Amino acid sequence: MSQATIATAASPKQSVHIMELLVGYILQVGVLLSMILIAVGVVWRWFNTGTLGFDYTISGMNFFEFVLTDIQQMAAGTFRPRLFANLGIATLMLTPYVRVLASMLYFGFVERNRKYTMFTGFVFVVLTCSLFLR
């Protein structure tokens, strides 16, 4: 068996392993980062007020408006406990979104599998539309 044949035979197994690692890292980083941000916001809130709860509603606002408001506050230098909690929630919500995006790009450019690229592309479009809903 030649080197090229061996490399080709091992390629699908390596490819699946790479995809599993990529998805695993995306999910781990997203969840851990969101936990840290939410914990910072809650602990900061507790030190400032002695309570753990936040009193606000986000009705009438879609996800992107929610995130844009927080980014504007960060740019203005307005850091407060609620901002960190909001960023943690946004990170947690964006984690599966980034996972689907990474899968779609992987299937499209690495695997060159049109069927899976179309499936994940459809899921990506549905997720994107759902983030724009109020």
N, C-alpha and C. Protein backbone atom coordinates (compact mmCIF):
# COMPACT_ATOMS: atom_id res chain seq x y z
N MET A 1 0.84 -1.17 0.00
CA MET A 1 0.00 0.00 0.00
C MET A 1 0.89 1.24 0.00
N SER A 2 0.60 2.18 -0.88
CA SER A 2 1.44 3.38 -0.98
C SER A 2 1.05 4.39 0.11
N GLN A 3 1.90 5.38 0.29
CA GLN A 3 1.65 6.43 1.29
C GLN A 3 0.37 7.18 0.97
N ALA A 4 0.12 7.47 -0.30
CA ALA A 4 -1.07 8.22 -0.69
C ALA A 4 -2.34 7.44 -0.35
N THR A 5 -2.32 6.12 -0.55
CA THR A 5 -3.47 5.29 -0.23
C THR A 5 -3.74 5.27 1.27
N ILE A 6 -2.68 5.17 2.06
CA ILE A 6 -2.82 5.17 3.51
C ILE A 6 -3.38 6.51 4.00
N ALA A 7 -2.85 7.61 3.45
CA ALA A 7 -3.32 8.94 3.86
C ALA A 7 -4.79 9.12 3.50
N THR A 8 -5.19 8.62 2.32
CA THR A 8 -6.57 8.76 1.90
C THR A 8 -7.49 7.91 2.78
N ALA A 9 -7.04 6.71 3.15
CA ALA A 9 -7.86 5.83 3.97
C ALA A 9 -8.05 6.39 5.38
N ALA A 10 -7.04 7.07 5.91
CA ALA A 10 -7.13 7.61 7.26
C ALA A 10 -7.85 8.95 7.30
N SER A 11 -8.00 9.58 6.16
CA SER A 11 -8.55 10.92 6.09
C SER A 11 -9.97 11.06 6.64
N PRO A 12 -10.93 10.20 6.28
CA PRO A 12 -12.29 10.38 6.81
C PRO A 12 -12.34 10.27 8.33
N LYS A 13 -11.58 9.35 8.90
CA LYS A 13 -11.57 9.20 10.36
C LYS A 13 -10.97 10.43 11.02
N GLN A 14 -9.89 10.94 10.46
CA GLN A 14 -9.28 12.16 10.99
C GLN A 14 -10.23 13.33 10.85
N SER A 15 -10.92 13.39 9.73
CA SER A 15 -11.85 14.48 9.48
C SER A 15 -12.96 14.52 10.51
N VAL A 16 -13.52 13.36 10.85
CA VAL A 16 -14.57 13.29 11.86
C VAL A 16 -14.02 13.72 13.21
N HIS A 17 -12.80 13.28 13.52
CA HIS A 17 -12.17 13.64 14.79
C HIS A 17 -11.95 15.15 14.88
N ILE A 18 -11.50 15.76 13.79
CA ILE A 18 -11.28 17.21 13.77
C ILE A 18 -12.60 17.95 13.99
N MET A 19 -13.66 17.49 13.35
CA MET A 19 -14.97 18.13 13.50
C MET A 19 -15.46 17.99 14.94
N GLU A 20 -15.29 16.80 15.54
CA GLU A 20 -15.72 16.60 16.92
C GLU A 20 -14.93 17.52 17.87
N LEU A 21 -13.63 17.67 17.63
CA LEU A 21 -12.82 18.56 18.46
C LEU A 21 -13.27 20.01 18.31
N LEU A 22 -13.52 20.42 17.08
CA LEU A 22 -13.95 21.79 16.82
C LEU A 22 -15.27 22.09 17.53
N VAL A 23 -16.23 21.21 17.38
CA VAL A 23 -17.53 21.41 18.02
C VAL A 23 -17.38 21.39 19.54
N GLY A 24 -16.58 20.46 20.04
CA GLY A 24 -16.36 20.37 21.48
C GLY A 24 -15.75 21.64 22.06
N TYR A 25 -14.74 22.18 21.38
CA TYR A 25 -14.10 23.40 21.85
C TYR A 25 -15.06 24.60 21.79
N ILE A 26 -15.82 24.69 20.72
CA ILE A 26 -16.78 25.79 20.60
C ILE A 26 -17.78 25.75 21.75
N LEU A 27 -18.32 24.56 22.02
CA LEU A 27 -19.31 24.43 23.09
C LEU A 27 -18.69 24.68 24.47
N GLN A 28 -17.51 24.15 24.71
CA GLN A 28 -16.85 24.35 26.00
C GLN A 28 -16.53 25.82 26.24
N VAL A 29 -15.91 26.46 25.26
CA VAL A 29 -15.53 27.87 25.42
C VAL A 29 -16.77 28.73 25.59
N GLY A 30 -17.80 28.49 24.80
CA GLY A 30 -19.02 29.28 24.90
C GLY A 30 -19.69 29.16 26.26
N VAL A 31 -19.84 27.93 26.74
CA VAL A 31 -20.51 27.72 28.03
C VAL A 31 -19.66 28.27 29.18
N LEU A 32 -18.37 27.99 29.17
CA LEU A 32 -17.51 28.49 30.25
C LEU A 32 -17.44 30.01 30.27
N LEU A 33 -17.31 30.63 29.10
CA LEU A 33 -17.27 32.08 29.04
C LEU A 33 -18.57 32.69 29.53
N SER A 34 -19.70 32.10 29.13
CA SER A 34 -20.99 32.63 29.59
C SER A 34 -21.15 32.46 31.10
N MET A 35 -20.70 31.33 31.64
CA MET A 35 -20.78 31.13 33.09
C MET A 35 -19.95 32.16 33.83
N ILE A 36 -18.76 32.43 33.33
CA ILE A 36 -17.89 33.42 33.97
C ILE A 36 -18.52 34.80 33.93
N LEU A 37 -19.02 35.20 32.76
CA LEU A 37 -19.63 36.53 32.64
C LEU A 37 -20.86 36.67 33.53
N ILE A 38 -21.71 35.68 33.55
CA ILE A 38 -22.90 35.74 34.40
C ILE A 38 -22.50 35.76 35.87
N ALA A 39 -21.53 34.93 36.24
CA ALA A 39 -21.08 34.91 37.64
C ALA A 39 -20.50 36.25 38.06
N VAL A 40 -19.71 36.87 37.19
CA VAL A 40 -19.15 38.20 37.51
C VAL A 40 -20.28 39.20 37.72
N GLY A 41 -21.27 39.19 36.84
CA GLY A 41 -22.39 40.11 36.98
C GLY A 41 -23.19 39.88 38.24
N VAL A 42 -23.46 38.62 38.56
CA VAL A 42 -24.27 38.31 39.74
C VAL A 42 -23.51 38.65 41.03
N VAL A 43 -22.23 38.28 41.09
CA VAL A 43 -21.44 38.57 42.29
C VAL A 43 -21.26 40.07 42.47
N TRP A 44 -20.98 40.77 41.38
CA TRP A 44 -20.85 42.23 41.45
C TRP A 44 -22.16 42.85 41.94
N ARG A 45 -23.28 42.37 41.41
CA ARG A 45 -24.60 42.87 41.82
C ARG A 45 -24.83 42.61 43.32
N TRP A 46 -24.44 41.42 43.77
CA TRP A 46 -24.61 41.05 45.17
C TRP A 46 -23.77 41.95 46.09
N PHE A 47 -22.53 42.24 45.67
CA PHE A 47 -21.69 43.14 46.48
C PHE A 47 -22.25 44.56 46.52
N ASN A 48 -22.80 45.02 45.42
CA ASN A 48 -23.33 46.39 45.36
C ASN A 48 -24.66 46.55 46.10
N THR A 49 -25.56 45.58 45.96
CA THR A 49 -26.91 45.76 46.47
C THR A 49 -27.33 44.77 47.55
N GLY A 50 -26.61 43.69 47.67
CA GLY A 50 -26.99 42.66 48.63
C GLY A 50 -28.06 41.72 48.11
N THR A 51 -28.46 41.89 46.85
CA THR A 51 -29.44 41.00 46.22
C THR A 51 -28.82 40.36 44.99
N LEU A 52 -29.37 39.22 44.61
CA LEU A 52 -28.85 38.51 43.44
C LEU A 52 -29.67 38.78 42.18
N GLY A 53 -30.89 39.25 42.32
CA GLY A 53 -31.78 39.42 41.19
C GLY A 53 -31.54 40.71 40.44
N PHE A 54 -31.90 40.67 39.16
CA PHE A 54 -31.87 41.86 38.31
C PHE A 54 -33.30 42.23 37.97
N ASP A 55 -33.62 43.50 38.04
CA ASP A 55 -34.98 43.96 37.77
C ASP A 55 -35.03 44.69 36.43
N TYR A 56 -35.34 43.96 35.37
CA TYR A 56 -35.52 44.57 34.07
C TYR A 56 -36.18 43.58 33.13
N THR A 57 -36.76 44.11 32.07
CA THR A 57 -37.36 43.26 31.06
C THR A 57 -36.74 43.60 29.72
N ILE A 58 -36.80 42.65 28.82
CA ILE A 58 -36.26 42.88 27.48
C ILE A 58 -37.34 42.66 26.42
N SER A 59 -38.58 42.79 26.81
CA SER A 59 -39.66 42.58 25.84
C SER A 59 -39.62 43.67 24.78
N GLY A 60 -40.05 43.30 23.58
CA GLY A 60 -40.06 44.25 22.47
C GLY A 60 -38.71 44.44 21.83
N MET A 61 -37.75 43.59 22.17
CA MET A 61 -36.39 43.74 21.67
C MET A 61 -35.93 42.38 21.13
N ASN A 62 -35.37 42.35 19.91
CA ASN A 62 -34.85 41.09 19.42
C ASN A 62 -33.42 40.90 19.94
N PHE A 63 -32.86 39.74 19.66
CA PHE A 63 -31.55 39.40 20.20
C PHE A 63 -30.47 40.39 19.77
N PHE A 64 -30.48 40.77 18.51
CA PHE A 64 -29.44 41.66 18.01
C PHE A 64 -29.54 43.06 18.63
N GLU A 65 -30.75 43.53 18.88
CA GLU A 65 -30.92 44.80 19.59
C GLU A 65 -30.40 44.68 21.02
N PHE A 66 -30.68 43.56 21.64
CA PHE A 66 -30.21 43.27 23.00
C PHE A 66 -28.68 43.34 23.06
N VAL A 67 -28.01 42.68 22.11
CA VAL A 67 -26.55 42.65 22.09
C VAL A 67 -25.99 44.02 21.70
N LEU A 68 -26.62 44.69 20.73
CA LEU A 68 -26.14 46.00 20.29
C LEU A 68 -26.19 47.01 21.43
N THR A 69 -27.24 46.96 22.24
CA THR A 69 -27.35 47.85 23.39
C THR A 69 -26.19 47.63 24.35
N ASP A 70 -25.86 46.38 24.59
CA ASP A 70 -24.74 46.07 25.50
C ASP A 70 -23.40 46.50 24.91
N ILE A 71 -23.23 46.31 23.64
CA ILE A 71 -21.97 46.72 22.99
C ILE A 71 -21.82 48.24 23.05
N GLN A 72 -22.92 48.96 22.85
CA GLN A 72 -22.88 50.42 22.95
C GLN A 72 -22.52 50.86 24.36
N GLN A 73 -23.04 50.17 25.36
CA GLN A 73 -22.70 50.49 26.75
C GLN A 73 -21.22 50.24 27.01
N MET A 74 -20.70 49.14 26.49
CA MET A 74 -19.27 48.84 26.66
C MET A 74 -18.42 49.90 25.98
N ALA A 75 -18.80 50.31 24.78
CA ALA A 75 -18.05 51.33 24.04
C ALA A 75 -18.07 52.67 24.78
N ALA A 76 -19.17 52.95 25.46
CA ALA A 76 -19.28 54.19 26.22
C ALA A 76 -18.57 54.10 27.57
N GLY A 77 -18.09 52.90 27.93
CA GLY A 77 -17.41 52.73 29.21
C GLY A 77 -18.35 52.57 30.38
N THR A 78 -19.59 52.23 30.11
CA THR A 78 -20.59 52.05 31.16
C THR A 78 -20.60 50.58 31.57
N PHE A 79 -19.76 50.23 32.52
CA PHE A 79 -19.71 48.85 33.00
C PHE A 79 -20.50 48.75 34.29
N ARG A 80 -21.39 47.79 34.32
CA ARG A 80 -22.19 47.55 35.52
C ARG A 80 -22.55 46.07 35.55
N PRO A 81 -23.03 45.57 36.67
CA PRO A 81 -23.29 44.13 36.79
C PRO A 81 -24.22 43.57 35.72
N ARG A 82 -25.27 44.31 35.40
CA ARG A 82 -26.23 43.82 34.41
C ARG A 82 -25.59 43.62 33.04
N LEU A 83 -24.63 44.46 32.70
CA LEU A 83 -23.93 44.32 31.42
C LEU A 83 -23.23 42.97 31.34
N PHE A 84 -22.55 42.58 32.40
CA PHE A 84 -21.85 41.29 32.40
C PHE A 84 -22.83 40.12 32.32
N ALA A 85 -23.92 40.22 33.05
CA ALA A 85 -24.93 39.16 32.99
C ALA A 85 -25.53 39.07 31.58
N ASN A 86 -25.81 40.22 30.98
CA ASN A 86 -26.34 40.24 29.61
C ASN A 86 -25.36 39.63 28.62
N LEU A 87 -24.09 39.98 28.75
CA LEU A 87 -23.08 39.43 27.85
C LEU A 87 -22.96 37.92 28.03
N GLY A 88 -23.11 37.45 29.26
CA GLY A 88 -23.09 36.01 29.50
C GLY A 88 -24.27 35.32 28.85
N ILE A 89 -25.43 35.93 28.94
CA ILE A 89 -26.63 35.37 28.30
C ILE A 89 -26.45 35.38 26.78
N ALA A 90 -25.93 36.47 26.24
CA ALA A 90 -25.71 36.56 24.79
C ALA A 90 -24.70 35.52 24.32
N THR A 91 -23.64 35.33 25.09
CA THR A 91 -22.63 34.33 24.74
C THR A 91 -23.24 32.94 24.74
N LEU A 92 -24.05 32.65 25.75
CA LEU A 92 -24.70 31.34 25.82
C LEU A 92 -25.64 31.13 24.63
N MET A 93 -26.35 32.18 24.24
CA MET A 93 -27.27 32.06 23.11
C MET A 93 -26.52 31.94 21.78
N LEU A 94 -25.37 32.58 21.68
CA LEU A 94 -24.60 32.53 20.43
C LEU A 94 -23.76 31.27 20.28
N THR A 95 -23.57 30.52 21.34
CA THR A 95 -22.74 29.32 21.27
C THR A 95 -23.27 28.31 20.25
N PRO A 96 -24.54 27.91 20.29
CA PRO A 96 -25.01 26.98 19.25
C PRO A 96 -25.02 27.61 17.86
N TYR A 97 -25.20 28.91 17.80
CA TYR A 97 -25.18 29.62 16.52
C TYR A 97 -23.80 29.51 15.88
N VAL A 98 -22.76 29.73 16.67
CA VAL A 98 -21.37 29.63 16.18
C VAL A 98 -21.05 28.18 15.83
N ARG A 99 -21.58 27.25 16.59
CA ARG A 99 -21.36 25.84 16.32
C ARG A 99 -21.94 25.45 14.96
N VAL A 100 -23.15 25.91 14.67
CA VAL A 100 -23.77 25.61 13.38
C VAL A 100 -23.01 26.30 12.25
N LEU A 101 -22.58 27.53 12.46
CA LEU A 101 -21.79 28.23 11.46
C LEU A 101 -20.49 27.49 11.17
N ALA A 102 -19.80 27.06 12.21
CA ALA A 102 -18.55 26.31 12.04
C ALA A 102 -18.80 25.00 11.29
N SER A 103 -19.89 24.33 11.63
CA SER A 103 -20.23 23.07 10.94
C SER A 103 -20.51 23.31 9.47
N MET A 104 -21.26 24.37 9.19
CA MET A 104 -21.58 24.67 7.80
C MET A 104 -20.32 24.97 6.99
N LEU A 105 -19.43 25.77 7.56
CA LEU A 105 -18.18 26.09 6.87
C LEU A 105 -17.30 24.85 6.71
N TYR A 106 -17.28 24.01 7.73
CA TYR A 106 -16.49 22.79 7.69
C TYR A 106 -17.01 21.86 6.59
N PHE A 107 -18.32 21.63 6.57
CA PHE A 107 -18.89 20.75 5.55
C PHE A 107 -18.72 21.33 4.16
N GLY A 108 -18.78 22.66 4.04
CA GLY A 108 -18.66 23.28 2.73
C GLY A 108 -17.25 23.35 2.19
N PHE A 109 -16.28 23.67 3.05
CA PHE A 109 -14.92 23.91 2.57
C PHE A 109 -13.94 22.78 2.85
N VAL A 110 -14.13 22.02 3.90
CA VAL A 110 -13.21 20.93 4.20
C VAL A 110 -13.74 19.62 3.63
N GLU A 111 -14.95 19.27 4.00
CA GLU A 111 -15.55 18.02 3.53
C GLU A 111 -16.05 18.12 2.09
N ARG A 112 -16.42 19.32 1.67
CA ARG A 112 -17.02 19.54 0.35
C ARG A 112 -18.25 18.64 0.14
N ASN A 113 -19.06 18.56 1.19
CA ASN A 113 -20.26 17.74 1.17
C ASN A 113 -21.46 18.67 1.02
N ARG A 114 -22.01 18.69 -0.17
CA ARG A 114 -23.11 19.62 -0.46
C ARG A 114 -24.35 19.35 0.37
N LYS A 115 -24.68 18.07 0.56
CA LYS A 115 -25.89 17.72 1.31
C LYS A 115 -25.82 18.25 2.74
N TYR A 116 -24.74 17.96 3.46
CA TYR A 116 -24.61 18.42 4.85
C TYR A 116 -24.44 19.94 4.91
N THR A 117 -23.80 20.51 3.91
CA THR A 117 -23.67 21.96 3.88
C THR A 117 -25.05 22.60 3.74
N MET A 118 -25.90 22.02 2.89
CA MET A 118 -27.25 22.56 2.72
C MET A 118 -28.08 22.38 4.00
N PHE A 119 -27.98 21.22 4.64
CA PHE A 119 -28.72 20.99 5.89
C PHE A 119 -28.31 21.98 6.96
N THR A 120 -27.01 22.12 7.17
CA THR A 120 -26.55 23.03 8.21
C THR A 120 -26.80 24.48 7.81
N GLY A 121 -26.76 24.76 6.51
CA GLY A 121 -27.10 26.10 6.04
C GLY A 121 -28.55 26.44 6.34
N PHE A 122 -29.44 25.47 6.15
CA PHE A 122 -30.85 25.68 6.48
C PHE A 122 -31.02 25.95 7.98
N VAL A 123 -30.37 25.15 8.81
CA VAL A 123 -30.44 25.35 10.26
C VAL A 123 -29.89 26.72 10.62
N PHE A 124 -28.80 27.13 9.97
CA PHE A 124 -28.21 28.44 10.23
C PHE A 124 -29.17 29.57 9.88
N VAL A 125 -29.86 29.44 8.76
CA VAL A 125 -30.83 30.46 8.34
C VAL A 125 -32.00 30.51 9.34
N VAL A 126 -32.49 29.35 9.77
CA VAL A 126 -33.58 29.32 10.75
C VAL A 126 -33.14 29.97 12.06
N LEU A 127 -31.94 29.63 12.53
CA LEU A 127 -31.43 30.25 13.76
C LEU A 127 -31.28 31.75 13.61
N THR A 128 -30.77 32.20 12.48
CA THR A 128 -30.60 33.63 12.24
C THR A 128 -31.96 34.34 12.25
N CYS A 129 -32.93 33.77 11.58
CA CYS A 129 -34.28 34.38 11.57
C CYS A 129 -34.87 34.41 12.98
N SER A 130 -34.65 33.35 13.75
CA SER A 130 -35.22 33.32 15.09
C SER A 130 -34.59 34.36 15.99
N LEU A 131 -33.34 34.72 15.75
CA LEU A 131 -32.70 35.76 16.56
C LEU A 131 -33.23 37.14 16.23
N PHE A 132 -33.83 37.31 15.07
CA PHE A 132 -34.41 38.60 14.70
C PHE A 132 -35.85 38.75 15.19
N LEU A 133 -36.47 37.66 15.63
CA LEU A 133 -37.84 37.74 16.14
C LEU A 133 -37.85 38.41 17.50
N ARG A 134 -38.94 39.05 17.81
CA ARG A 134 -39.05 39.72 19.10
C ARG A 134 -39.61 38.78 20.13
